[in-house]
């Protein structure tokens, strides 16, 4: 989760504050120009055009300012936003389609952040393409679904 309120705070799924380890995201507060937001997403490190989960683990181990700077230069992190939970107010009760429209309206395309594209049509074809390119899989959600913190469905 990325919390933006004049600054940027980054927390893992377990709630651990990892902000110091991802200085690349500091500019996100300026990009949102004074808006308050909570964005759900994924931190990724890419190598050769593919997400490298092992590289992310090594990257997040850096906590000292000198090692963070070195790691940031060697293995830059990108935040891929896929949902918005707060945008100048709680939006978790709104359907996914509305939250995606709000997220798209933020136009998050920066040096270390991007909005994940979402597809509403052929899930089977999308899954087949992911398998073909060696991606881990697809997350599917109901477009009319509300955000339920901590809940995962089959």
N, C-alpha and C. Protein backbone atom coordinates (compact mmCIF):
# COMPACT_ATOMS: atom_id res chain seq x y z
N UNK A 1 0.85 -1.17 0.00
CA UNK A 1 0.00 0.00 0.00
C UNK A 1 0.89 1.23 0.00
N UNK A 2 0.48 2.20 -0.79
CA UNK A 2 1.19 3.48 -0.81
C UNK A 2 0.22 4.54 -0.32
N UNK A 3 0.64 5.25 0.73
CA UNK A 3 -0.16 6.30 1.34
C UNK A 3 0.43 7.63 0.93
N UNK A 4 -0.39 8.50 0.35
CA UNK A 4 0.08 9.81 -0.10
C UNK A 4 -0.74 10.87 0.62
N UNK A 5 -0.03 11.70 1.38
CA UNK A 5 -0.68 12.78 2.13
C UNK A 5 0.38 13.85 2.39
N UNK A 6 0.79 14.53 1.33
CA UNK A 6 1.85 15.50 1.44
C UNK A 6 3.22 14.85 1.36
N UNK A 7 3.32 13.60 1.67
CA UNK A 7 4.51 12.77 1.55
C UNK A 7 4.07 11.39 1.12
N UNK A 8 4.98 10.47 1.12
CA UNK A 8 4.67 9.11 0.68
C UNK A 8 5.13 8.13 1.76
N UNK A 9 4.25 7.21 2.13
CA UNK A 9 4.57 6.11 3.03
C UNK A 9 4.23 4.81 2.32
N UNK A 10 5.13 3.87 2.37
CA UNK A 10 4.94 2.58 1.70
C UNK A 10 4.95 1.48 2.75
N UNK A 11 3.91 0.66 2.73
CA UNK A 11 3.79 -0.44 3.69
C UNK A 11 3.56 -1.75 2.94
N UNK A 12 4.13 -2.81 3.48
CA UNK A 12 3.94 -4.14 2.91
C UNK A 12 2.57 -4.66 3.30
N UNK A 13 2.21 -5.81 2.75
CA UNK A 13 0.93 -6.45 3.06
C UNK A 13 0.80 -6.71 4.57
N UNK A 14 1.93 -6.98 5.22
CA UNK A 14 1.91 -7.24 6.67
C UNK A 14 1.93 -5.95 7.50
N UNK A 15 2.03 -4.81 6.84
CA UNK A 15 2.02 -3.53 7.54
C UNK A 15 3.39 -2.94 7.83
N UNK A 16 4.46 -3.63 7.45
CA UNK A 16 5.81 -3.14 7.70
C UNK A 16 6.10 -1.91 6.84
N UNK A 17 6.62 -0.86 7.46
CA UNK A 17 6.95 0.38 6.76
C UNK A 17 8.28 0.19 6.03
N UNK A 18 8.25 0.27 4.70
CA UNK A 18 9.44 0.10 3.87
C UNK A 18 9.77 1.35 3.07
N UNK A 19 9.22 2.48 3.52
CA UNK A 19 9.38 3.74 2.80
C UNK A 19 10.84 4.08 2.54
N UNK A 20 11.70 3.91 3.54
CA UNK A 20 13.10 4.27 3.40
C UNK A 20 13.78 3.48 2.27
N UNK A 21 13.28 2.31 1.98
CA UNK A 21 13.88 1.46 0.95
C UNK A 21 13.45 1.76 -0.47
N UNK A 22 12.48 2.65 -0.64
CA UNK A 22 11.99 2.95 -1.99
C UNK A 22 11.93 4.47 -2.23
N UNK A 23 13.08 5.12 -2.23
CA UNK A 23 13.09 6.57 -2.43
C UNK A 23 12.56 6.99 -3.80
N UNK A 24 12.51 6.05 -4.73
CA UNK A 24 11.98 6.36 -6.07
C UNK A 24 10.55 6.86 -6.02
N UNK A 25 9.81 6.50 -4.98
CA UNK A 25 8.39 6.85 -4.91
C UNK A 25 8.12 8.21 -4.28
N UNK A 26 9.15 8.88 -3.78
CA UNK A 26 8.95 10.16 -3.10
C UNK A 26 8.24 11.18 -3.99
N UNK A 27 8.52 11.18 -5.28
CA UNK A 27 7.92 12.14 -6.20
C UNK A 27 6.44 11.93 -6.46
N UNK A 28 5.90 10.83 -5.99
CA UNK A 28 4.49 10.54 -6.19
C UNK A 28 3.60 11.56 -5.48
N UNK A 29 4.05 12.07 -4.35
CA UNK A 29 3.27 13.08 -3.62
C UNK A 29 3.14 14.35 -4.47
N UNK A 30 4.22 14.75 -5.09
CA UNK A 30 4.17 15.93 -5.96
C UNK A 30 3.29 15.66 -7.17
N UNK A 31 3.37 14.47 -7.71
CA UNK A 31 2.55 14.10 -8.88
C UNK A 31 1.06 14.19 -8.57
N UNK A 32 0.68 13.84 -7.34
CA UNK A 32 -0.73 13.89 -6.96
C UNK A 32 -1.16 15.28 -6.49
N UNK A 33 -0.23 16.21 -6.49
CA UNK A 33 -0.52 17.63 -6.27
C UNK A 33 -1.46 17.91 -5.10
N UNK A 34 -1.07 17.45 -3.92
CA UNK A 34 -1.84 17.79 -2.73
C UNK A 34 -3.03 16.90 -2.45
N UNK A 35 -3.29 15.93 -3.27
CA UNK A 35 -4.41 15.01 -3.01
C UNK A 35 -3.99 13.97 -2.00
N UNK A 36 -4.94 13.45 -1.26
CA UNK A 36 -4.71 12.36 -0.33
C UNK A 36 -5.16 11.07 -0.99
N UNK A 37 -4.31 10.06 -0.92
CA UNK A 37 -4.65 8.80 -1.58
C UNK A 37 -4.05 7.62 -0.84
N UNK A 38 -4.74 6.51 -0.94
CA UNK A 38 -4.19 5.21 -0.55
C UNK A 38 -4.33 4.34 -1.78
N UNK A 39 -3.19 3.88 -2.28
CA UNK A 39 -3.15 3.08 -3.50
C UNK A 39 -2.70 1.66 -3.17
N UNK A 40 -3.41 0.70 -3.70
CA UNK A 40 -3.05 -0.70 -3.55
C UNK A 40 -2.30 -1.09 -4.81
N UNK A 41 -1.25 -1.83 -4.66
CA UNK A 41 -0.48 -2.22 -5.83
C UNK A 41 0.66 -3.14 -5.46
N UNK A 42 1.62 -3.16 -6.33
CA UNK A 42 2.74 -4.09 -6.18
C UNK A 42 4.04 -3.35 -6.49
N UNK A 43 5.04 -3.57 -5.67
CA UNK A 43 6.38 -3.09 -5.98
C UNK A 43 7.04 -4.16 -6.83
N UNK A 44 7.68 -3.75 -7.92
CA UNK A 44 8.33 -4.72 -8.79
C UNK A 44 9.71 -4.23 -9.20
N UNK A 45 10.57 -5.18 -9.47
CA UNK A 45 11.86 -4.93 -10.10
C UNK A 45 11.83 -5.72 -11.40
N UNK A 46 12.18 -5.07 -12.48
CA UNK A 46 12.17 -5.75 -13.78
C UNK A 46 13.59 -5.94 -14.29
N UNK A 47 13.80 -7.08 -14.90
CA UNK A 47 15.05 -7.39 -15.58
C UNK A 47 14.70 -8.00 -16.92
N UNK A 48 15.24 -7.44 -17.96
CA UNK A 48 14.97 -7.98 -19.29
C UNK A 48 13.51 -7.95 -19.65
N UNK A 49 12.77 -6.95 -19.17
CA UNK A 49 11.36 -6.81 -19.49
C UNK A 49 10.43 -7.70 -18.70
N UNK A 50 10.98 -8.46 -17.75
CA UNK A 50 10.16 -9.35 -16.93
C UNK A 50 10.31 -9.00 -15.46
N UNK A 51 9.24 -9.18 -14.71
CA UNK A 51 9.29 -8.95 -13.26
C UNK A 51 10.19 -10.02 -12.63
N UNK A 52 11.10 -9.58 -11.77
CA UNK A 52 12.01 -10.48 -11.08
C UNK A 52 11.73 -10.41 -9.59
N UNK A 53 10.94 -11.36 -9.08
CA UNK A 53 10.55 -11.35 -7.67
C UNK A 53 11.74 -11.54 -6.74
N UNK A 54 12.74 -12.31 -7.18
CA UNK A 54 13.92 -12.53 -6.34
C UNK A 54 14.72 -11.24 -6.20
N UNK A 55 14.81 -10.47 -7.26
CA UNK A 55 15.55 -9.20 -7.20
C UNK A 55 14.86 -8.23 -6.26
N UNK A 56 13.54 -8.26 -6.21
CA UNK A 56 12.82 -7.37 -5.30
C UNK A 56 13.18 -7.67 -3.86
N UNK A 57 13.26 -8.94 -3.50
CA UNK A 57 13.62 -9.31 -2.13
C UNK A 57 14.98 -8.78 -1.75
N UNK A 58 15.94 -8.92 -2.63
CA UNK A 58 17.27 -8.39 -2.38
C UNK A 58 17.27 -6.88 -2.29
N UNK A 59 16.48 -6.27 -3.13
CA UNK A 59 16.39 -4.82 -3.14
C UNK A 59 15.79 -4.30 -1.84
N UNK A 60 14.76 -4.95 -1.33
CA UNK A 60 14.08 -4.48 -0.13
C UNK A 60 14.91 -4.74 1.13
N UNK A 61 15.96 -5.53 1.02
CA UNK A 61 16.84 -5.78 2.17
C UNK A 61 17.69 -4.56 2.50
N UNK A 62 17.88 -3.66 1.54
CA UNK A 62 18.68 -2.45 1.76
C UNK A 62 17.91 -1.47 2.64
N UNK A 63 18.53 -1.03 3.73
CA UNK A 63 17.86 -0.07 4.62
C UNK A 63 18.74 1.11 4.98
N UNK A 64 20.04 0.97 4.91
CA UNK A 64 20.96 2.08 5.19
C UNK A 64 20.95 3.02 3.99
N UNK A 65 20.94 4.34 4.21
CA UNK A 65 20.86 5.29 3.08
C UNK A 65 21.87 5.04 1.96
N UNK A 66 23.11 4.68 2.31
CA UNK A 66 24.11 4.42 1.28
C UNK A 66 23.76 3.18 0.47
N UNK A 67 23.35 2.11 1.16
CA UNK A 67 23.00 0.88 0.44
C UNK A 67 21.70 1.04 -0.34
N UNK A 68 20.78 1.86 0.17
CA UNK A 68 19.52 2.11 -0.56
C UNK A 68 19.82 2.85 -1.86
N UNK A 69 20.69 3.87 -1.78
CA UNK A 69 21.05 4.61 -3.01
C UNK A 69 21.69 3.69 -4.04
N UNK A 70 22.60 2.84 -3.58
CA UNK A 70 23.27 1.91 -4.50
C UNK A 70 22.27 0.93 -5.09
N UNK A 71 21.41 0.38 -4.24
CA UNK A 71 20.41 -0.58 -4.72
C UNK A 71 19.44 0.07 -5.68
N UNK A 72 19.06 1.32 -5.38
CA UNK A 72 18.12 2.05 -6.23
C UNK A 72 18.71 2.28 -7.61
N UNK A 73 20.00 2.56 -7.67
CA UNK A 73 20.66 2.78 -8.96
C UNK A 73 20.80 1.48 -9.73
N UNK A 74 21.07 0.40 -9.02
CA UNK A 74 21.31 -0.89 -9.67
C UNK A 74 20.02 -1.63 -10.01
N UNK A 75 19.03 -1.60 -9.10
CA UNK A 75 17.78 -2.33 -9.29
C UNK A 75 16.60 -1.39 -8.99
N UNK A 76 16.26 -0.50 -9.89
CA UNK A 76 15.16 0.42 -9.61
C UNK A 76 13.84 -0.30 -9.40
N UNK A 77 13.06 0.24 -8.46
CA UNK A 77 11.74 -0.31 -8.14
C UNK A 77 10.68 0.51 -8.85
N UNK A 78 9.64 -0.17 -9.28
CA UNK A 78 8.47 0.51 -9.85
C UNK A 78 7.25 0.08 -9.03
N UNK A 79 6.40 1.04 -8.72
CA UNK A 79 5.13 0.74 -8.06
C UNK A 79 4.07 0.63 -9.14
N UNK A 80 3.42 -0.52 -9.20
CA UNK A 80 2.34 -0.75 -10.15
C UNK A 80 1.03 -0.66 -9.37
N UNK A 81 0.30 0.44 -9.56
CA UNK A 81 -0.96 0.65 -8.85
C UNK A 81 -2.08 -0.10 -9.56
N UNK A 82 -2.87 -0.86 -8.78
CA UNK A 82 -4.00 -1.55 -9.40
C UNK A 82 -5.33 -1.26 -8.73
N UNK A 83 -5.32 -0.47 -7.66
CA UNK A 83 -6.59 -0.10 -7.03
C UNK A 83 -6.37 1.16 -6.20
N UNK A 84 -7.43 1.89 -5.97
CA UNK A 84 -7.39 3.06 -5.11
C UNK A 84 -8.43 2.84 -4.01
N UNK A 85 -8.00 3.05 -2.76
CA UNK A 85 -8.88 2.82 -1.62
C UNK A 85 -9.35 4.12 -0.99
N UNK A 86 -8.55 5.13 -1.19
CA UNK A 86 -8.86 6.45 -0.63
C UNK A 86 -8.43 7.48 -1.65
N UNK A 87 -9.30 8.39 -1.99
CA UNK A 87 -8.94 9.50 -2.86
C UNK A 87 -9.70 10.71 -2.34
N UNK A 88 -9.04 11.44 -1.46
CA UNK A 88 -9.65 12.57 -0.76
C UNK A 88 -10.91 12.12 0.00
N UNK A 89 -10.96 10.87 0.34
CA UNK A 89 -12.07 10.25 1.05
C UNK A 89 -12.11 8.77 0.73
N UNK A 90 -12.81 8.02 1.55
CA UNK A 90 -12.90 6.57 1.41
C UNK A 90 -13.69 6.20 0.15
N UNK A 91 -13.09 5.37 -0.71
CA UNK A 91 -13.78 4.91 -1.92
C UNK A 91 -13.92 3.39 -1.94
N UNK A 92 -13.62 2.73 -0.81
CA UNK A 92 -13.66 1.26 -0.80
C UNK A 92 -15.06 0.70 -1.01
N UNK A 93 -16.10 1.47 -0.73
CA UNK A 93 -17.46 1.00 -0.92
C UNK A 93 -17.95 1.11 -2.35
N UNK A 94 -17.16 1.74 -3.18
CA UNK A 94 -17.55 1.87 -4.59
C UNK A 94 -17.17 0.61 -5.37
N UNK A 95 -17.88 0.32 -6.44
CA UNK A 95 -17.54 -0.84 -7.27
C UNK A 95 -16.14 -0.70 -7.88
N UNK A 96 -15.52 -1.84 -8.17
CA UNK A 96 -14.19 -1.85 -8.78
C UNK A 96 -14.13 -0.97 -10.03
N UNK A 97 -15.14 -1.04 -10.88
CA UNK A 97 -15.12 -0.25 -12.12
C UNK A 97 -14.99 1.24 -11.82
N UNK A 98 -15.66 1.73 -10.78
CA UNK A 98 -15.55 3.14 -10.41
C UNK A 98 -14.17 3.45 -9.84
N UNK A 99 -13.66 2.54 -9.02
CA UNK A 99 -12.32 2.77 -8.45
C UNK A 99 -11.26 2.76 -9.55
N UNK A 100 -11.42 1.89 -10.53
CA UNK A 100 -10.48 1.86 -11.65
C UNK A 100 -10.55 3.16 -12.44
N UNK A 101 -11.75 3.71 -12.62
CA UNK A 101 -11.89 4.98 -13.33
C UNK A 101 -11.20 6.11 -12.54
N UNK A 102 -11.35 6.09 -11.21
CA UNK A 102 -10.65 7.09 -10.38
C UNK A 102 -9.14 6.93 -10.52
N UNK A 103 -8.67 5.70 -10.47
CA UNK A 103 -7.24 5.43 -10.60
C UNK A 103 -6.73 5.87 -11.97
N UNK A 104 -7.46 5.52 -13.02
CA UNK A 104 -7.06 5.94 -14.36
C UNK A 104 -7.01 7.46 -14.48
N UNK A 105 -7.94 8.14 -13.79
CA UNK A 105 -7.98 9.60 -13.83
C UNK A 105 -6.78 10.26 -13.17
N UNK A 106 -6.07 9.53 -12.34
CA UNK A 106 -4.86 10.07 -11.72
C UNK A 106 -3.69 10.12 -12.70
N UNK A 107 -3.80 9.40 -13.80
CA UNK A 107 -2.76 9.38 -14.85
C UNK A 107 -1.38 9.12 -14.25
N UNK A 108 -1.27 8.05 -13.50
CA UNK A 108 -0.01 7.72 -12.85
C UNK A 108 0.95 7.07 -13.85
N UNK A 109 1.75 7.89 -14.44
CA UNK A 109 2.81 7.42 -15.33
C UNK A 109 4.03 8.26 -14.99
N UNK A 110 4.93 7.68 -14.23
CA UNK A 110 6.09 8.44 -13.79
C UNK A 110 7.35 7.61 -13.85
N UNK A 111 8.42 8.16 -13.33
CA UNK A 111 9.70 7.45 -13.41
C UNK A 111 9.73 6.16 -12.60
N UNK A 112 8.84 6.03 -11.60
CA UNK A 112 8.87 4.83 -10.76
C UNK A 112 7.46 4.37 -10.37
N UNK A 113 6.46 4.80 -11.12
CA UNK A 113 5.09 4.38 -10.84
C UNK A 113 4.29 4.36 -12.13
N UNK A 114 3.31 3.46 -12.13
CA UNK A 114 2.46 3.28 -13.30
C UNK A 114 1.15 2.66 -12.83
N UNK A 115 0.10 2.87 -13.60
CA UNK A 115 -1.18 2.22 -13.32
C UNK A 115 -1.24 0.93 -14.14
N UNK A 116 -1.60 -0.15 -13.48
CA UNK A 116 -1.75 -1.42 -14.16
C UNK A 116 -2.92 -1.35 -15.14
N UNK A 117 -2.71 -1.82 -16.34
CA UNK A 117 -3.81 -1.90 -17.30
C UNK A 117 -4.77 -2.97 -16.84
N UNK A 118 -6.03 -2.75 -17.09
CA UNK A 118 -7.00 -3.77 -16.73
C UNK A 118 -7.82 -4.12 -17.96
N UNK A 119 -8.23 -5.35 -18.00
CA UNK A 119 -8.93 -5.89 -19.16
C UNK A 119 -10.29 -6.38 -18.71
N UNK A 120 -11.31 -6.03 -19.48
CA UNK A 120 -12.68 -6.39 -19.08
C UNK A 120 -13.32 -7.39 -20.04
N UNK A 121 -12.56 -7.89 -20.97
CA UNK A 121 -13.18 -8.71 -22.01
C UNK A 121 -12.88 -10.19 -21.86
N UNK A 122 -11.93 -10.68 -22.60
CA UNK A 122 -11.69 -12.12 -22.71
C UNK A 122 -10.64 -12.59 -21.71
N UNK A 123 -11.08 -13.03 -20.55
CA UNK A 123 -10.17 -13.49 -19.51
C UNK A 123 -9.37 -14.71 -19.90
N UNK A 124 -10.00 -15.62 -20.64
CA UNK A 124 -9.28 -16.83 -21.05
C UNK A 124 -8.14 -16.50 -21.99
N UNK A 125 -8.36 -15.58 -22.93
CA UNK A 125 -7.30 -15.17 -23.86
C UNK A 125 -6.18 -14.44 -23.11
N UNK A 126 -6.55 -13.62 -22.14
CA UNK A 126 -5.55 -12.92 -21.35
C UNK A 126 -4.70 -13.92 -20.56
N UNK A 127 -5.36 -14.89 -19.94
CA UNK A 127 -4.62 -15.90 -19.19
C UNK A 127 -3.67 -16.68 -20.11
N UNK A 128 -4.14 -17.06 -21.29
CA UNK A 128 -3.30 -17.78 -22.24
C UNK A 128 -2.07 -16.95 -22.63
N UNK A 129 -2.27 -15.65 -22.83
CA UNK A 129 -1.15 -14.77 -23.17
C UNK A 129 -0.16 -14.69 -22.01
N UNK A 130 -0.66 -14.64 -20.78
CA UNK A 130 0.22 -14.60 -19.61
C UNK A 130 1.05 -15.88 -19.52
N UNK A 131 0.42 -17.01 -19.73
CA UNK A 131 1.12 -18.29 -19.70
C UNK A 131 2.19 -18.31 -20.78
N UNK A 132 1.84 -17.86 -21.98
CA UNK A 132 2.77 -17.85 -23.11
C UNK A 132 4.00 -17.00 -22.81
N UNK A 133 3.83 -15.91 -22.08
CA UNK A 133 4.94 -15.00 -21.78
C UNK A 133 5.60 -15.30 -20.44
N UNK A 134 5.19 -16.36 -19.79
CA UNK A 134 5.83 -16.76 -18.56
C UNK A 134 5.43 -15.96 -17.33
N UNK A 135 4.31 -15.27 -17.40
CA UNK A 135 3.84 -14.51 -16.24
C UNK A 135 3.21 -15.46 -15.23
N UNK A 136 3.16 -15.00 -14.00
CA UNK A 136 2.68 -15.83 -12.90
C UNK A 136 1.20 -16.17 -13.02
N UNK A 137 0.39 -15.24 -13.51
CA UNK A 137 -1.03 -15.51 -13.62
C UNK A 137 -1.83 -14.24 -13.75
N UNK A 138 -3.11 -14.35 -13.49
CA UNK A 138 -4.05 -13.24 -13.64
C UNK A 138 -4.85 -13.11 -12.35
N UNK A 139 -5.08 -11.89 -11.92
CA UNK A 139 -5.98 -11.63 -10.81
C UNK A 139 -7.30 -11.18 -11.41
N UNK A 140 -8.36 -11.88 -11.07
CA UNK A 140 -9.68 -11.54 -11.60
C UNK A 140 -10.56 -11.04 -10.46
N UNK A 141 -11.27 -9.97 -10.74
CA UNK A 141 -12.18 -9.40 -9.75
C UNK A 141 -13.48 -9.03 -10.44
N UNK A 142 -14.54 -9.01 -9.67
CA UNK A 142 -15.84 -8.58 -10.20
C UNK A 142 -15.82 -7.07 -10.38
N UNK A 143 -16.28 -6.58 -11.52
CA UNK A 143 -16.28 -5.13 -11.76
C UNK A 143 -17.25 -4.40 -10.84
N UNK A 144 -18.23 -5.12 -10.29
CA UNK A 144 -19.17 -4.49 -9.37
C UNK A 144 -18.78 -4.73 -7.90
N UNK A 145 -17.60 -5.37 -7.69
CA UNK A 145 -17.18 -5.72 -6.35
C UNK A 145 -16.64 -4.53 -5.56
N UNK A 146 -16.91 -4.55 -4.27
CA UNK A 146 -16.37 -3.55 -3.34
C UNK A 146 -15.03 -4.04 -2.84
N UNK A 147 -14.24 -3.12 -2.30
CA UNK A 147 -12.95 -3.50 -1.73
C UNK A 147 -13.18 -4.04 -0.32
N UNK A 148 -12.75 -5.25 -0.07
CA UNK A 148 -12.87 -5.87 1.24
C UNK A 148 -11.48 -6.14 1.78
N UNK A 149 -10.98 -5.30 2.68
CA UNK A 149 -9.61 -5.46 3.18
C UNK A 149 -9.37 -6.83 3.78
N UNK A 150 -8.24 -7.42 3.41
CA UNK A 150 -7.85 -8.69 3.99
C UNK A 150 -8.63 -9.88 3.46
N UNK A 151 -9.58 -9.66 2.59
CA UNK A 151 -10.41 -10.76 2.07
C UNK A 151 -9.90 -11.19 0.72
N UNK A 152 -9.74 -12.48 0.54
CA UNK A 152 -9.40 -13.04 -0.74
C UNK A 152 -10.41 -14.13 -1.03
N UNK A 153 -10.90 -14.14 -2.22
CA UNK A 153 -11.89 -15.15 -2.58
C UNK A 153 -11.26 -16.16 -3.52
N UNK A 154 -11.96 -17.23 -3.72
CA UNK A 154 -11.49 -18.23 -4.68
C UNK A 154 -11.63 -17.66 -6.07
